[in-house]
Amino acid sequence: MNVSYDIFVQQIQRLDYQINYCTGLSIGAFVLSLICVLILLIRDNRR
């Protein structure tokens, strides 16, 4: 009972880590794309 509960908790923590990692990657990609768009807009305004 106790051993299976520990394994269960480990699986949940591993899943939570994977979800946080994927979320961080998607947020990072979103921020990078926003920065690229801002740079393009600034360049267009300077012309």
N, C-alpha and C. Protein backbone atom coordinates (compact mmCIF):
# COMPACT_ATOMS: atom_id res chain seq x y z
N MET A 1 0.84 -1.20 0.00
CA MET A 1 0.00 0.00 0.00
C MET A 1 0.87 1.25 0.00
N ASN A 2 1.81 1.33 0.94
CA ASN A 2 2.65 2.51 1.06
C ASN A 2 3.57 2.64 -0.16
N VAL A 3 4.12 1.51 -0.62
CA VAL A 3 5.05 1.54 -1.76
C VAL A 3 4.32 1.99 -3.02
N SER A 4 3.13 1.45 -3.26
CA SER A 4 2.38 1.83 -4.46
C SER A 4 1.98 3.30 -4.40
N TYR A 5 1.71 3.81 -3.20
CA TYR A 5 1.36 5.22 -3.05
C TYR A 5 2.56 6.10 -3.40
N ASP A 6 3.75 5.70 -2.98
CA ASP A 6 4.97 6.46 -3.30
C ASP A 6 5.19 6.49 -4.81
N ILE A 7 5.00 5.34 -5.47
CA ILE A 7 5.16 5.28 -6.93
C ILE A 7 4.12 6.19 -7.60
N PHE A 8 2.91 6.18 -7.08
CA PHE A 8 1.83 7.01 -7.62
C PHE A 8 2.22 8.49 -7.53
N VAL A 9 2.75 8.89 -6.38
CA VAL A 9 3.15 10.29 -6.19
C VAL A 9 4.29 10.64 -7.14
N GLN A 10 5.24 9.71 -7.31
CA GLN A 10 6.36 9.97 -8.22
C GLN A 10 5.86 10.16 -9.65
N GLN A 11 4.89 9.35 -10.06
CA GLN A 11 4.35 9.48 -11.42
C GLN A 11 3.67 10.84 -11.60
N ILE A 12 2.92 11.29 -10.59
CA ILE A 12 2.23 12.58 -10.67
C ILE A 12 3.26 13.71 -10.75
N GLN A 13 4.32 13.65 -9.95
CA GLN A 13 5.34 14.70 -9.97
C GLN A 13 6.04 14.73 -11.32
N ARG A 14 6.29 13.55 -11.90
CA ARG A 14 6.95 13.49 -13.21
C ARG A 14 6.04 14.10 -14.28
N LEU A 15 4.75 13.78 -14.22
CA LEU A 15 3.79 14.32 -15.18
C LEU A 15 3.70 15.84 -15.02
N ASP A 16 3.66 16.30 -13.78
CA ASP A 16 3.58 17.73 -13.51
C ASP A 16 4.82 18.44 -14.06
N TYR A 17 5.99 17.83 -13.92
CA TYR A 17 7.22 18.42 -14.44
C TYR A 17 7.16 18.51 -15.96
N GLN A 18 6.67 17.46 -16.62
CA GLN A 18 6.57 17.49 -18.09
C GLN A 18 5.61 18.57 -18.55
N ILE A 19 4.49 18.73 -17.85
CA ILE A 19 3.51 19.75 -18.21
C ILE A 19 4.12 21.14 -18.04
N ASN A 20 4.82 21.36 -16.93
CA ASN A 20 5.46 22.66 -16.69
C ASN A 20 6.50 22.94 -17.76
N TYR A 21 7.25 21.91 -18.17
CA TYR A 21 8.29 22.08 -19.18
C TYR A 21 7.66 22.48 -20.52
N CYS A 22 6.60 21.78 -20.91
CA CYS A 22 5.92 22.08 -22.17
C CYS A 22 5.32 23.48 -22.12
N THR A 23 4.72 23.83 -21.00
CA THR A 23 4.12 25.17 -20.87
C THR A 23 5.19 26.24 -20.97
N GLY A 24 6.33 26.01 -20.33
CA GLY A 24 7.43 26.96 -20.40
C GLY A 24 7.93 27.13 -21.82
N LEU A 25 8.03 26.01 -22.56
CA LEU A 25 8.48 26.08 -23.94
C LEU A 25 7.51 26.88 -24.79
N SER A 26 6.21 26.62 -24.63
CA SER A 26 5.22 27.32 -25.45
C SER A 26 5.19 28.81 -25.11
N ILE A 27 5.32 29.14 -23.82
CA ILE A 27 5.35 30.56 -23.42
C ILE A 27 6.61 31.22 -23.99
N GLY A 28 7.75 30.54 -23.93
CA GLY A 28 8.99 31.08 -24.48
C GLY A 28 8.87 31.33 -25.97
N ALA A 29 8.28 30.39 -26.70
CA ALA A 29 8.11 30.56 -28.14
C ALA A 29 7.18 31.73 -28.44
N PHE A 30 6.12 31.86 -27.64
CA PHE A 30 5.17 32.96 -27.82
C PHE A 30 5.86 34.31 -27.60
N VAL A 31 6.66 34.39 -26.54
CA VAL A 31 7.37 35.65 -26.24
C VAL A 31 8.37 35.97 -27.35
N LEU A 32 9.08 34.95 -27.83
CA LEU A 32 10.04 35.18 -28.91
C LEU A 32 9.35 35.71 -30.15
N SER A 33 8.20 35.13 -30.51
CA SER A 33 7.48 35.59 -31.70
C SER A 33 6.99 37.02 -31.51
N LEU A 34 6.53 37.34 -30.28
CA LEU A 34 6.09 38.72 -30.02
C LEU A 34 7.25 39.70 -30.20
N ILE A 35 8.44 39.33 -29.70
CA ILE A 35 9.61 40.21 -29.83
C ILE A 35 9.96 40.40 -31.31
N CYS A 36 9.90 39.31 -32.09
CA CYS A 36 10.20 39.42 -33.52
C CYS A 36 9.21 40.36 -34.20
N VAL A 37 7.93 40.25 -33.87
CA VAL A 37 6.92 41.12 -34.47
C VAL A 37 7.18 42.57 -34.10
N LEU A 38 7.52 42.81 -32.84
CA LEU A 38 7.81 44.18 -32.41
C LEU A 38 9.00 44.76 -33.17
N ILE A 39 10.04 43.94 -33.34
CA ILE A 39 11.23 44.41 -34.08
C ILE A 39 10.85 44.76 -35.51
N LEU A 40 10.04 43.93 -36.15
CA LEU A 40 9.61 44.20 -37.53
C LEU A 40 8.79 45.48 -37.59
N LEU A 41 7.90 45.67 -36.63
CA LEU A 41 7.08 46.89 -36.62
C LEU A 41 7.94 48.13 -36.45
N ILE A 42 8.92 48.07 -35.56
CA ILE A 42 9.80 49.22 -35.33
C ILE A 42 10.59 49.54 -36.59
N ARG A 43 11.07 48.49 -37.28
CA ARG A 43 11.83 48.70 -38.52
C ARG A 43 10.94 49.36 -39.57
N ASP A 44 9.70 48.90 -39.68
CA ASP A 44 8.78 49.47 -40.68
C ASP A 44 8.49 50.93 -40.36
N ASN A 45 8.37 51.28 -39.10
CA ASN A 45 8.05 52.66 -38.72
C ASN A 45 9.22 53.59 -39.00
N ARG A 46 10.44 53.10 -38.95
CA ARG A 46 11.61 53.97 -39.15
C ARG A 46 11.76 54.37 -40.61
N ARG A 47 11.23 53.57 -41.53
CA ARG A 47 11.39 53.89 -42.95
C ARG A 47 10.63 55.14 -43.33
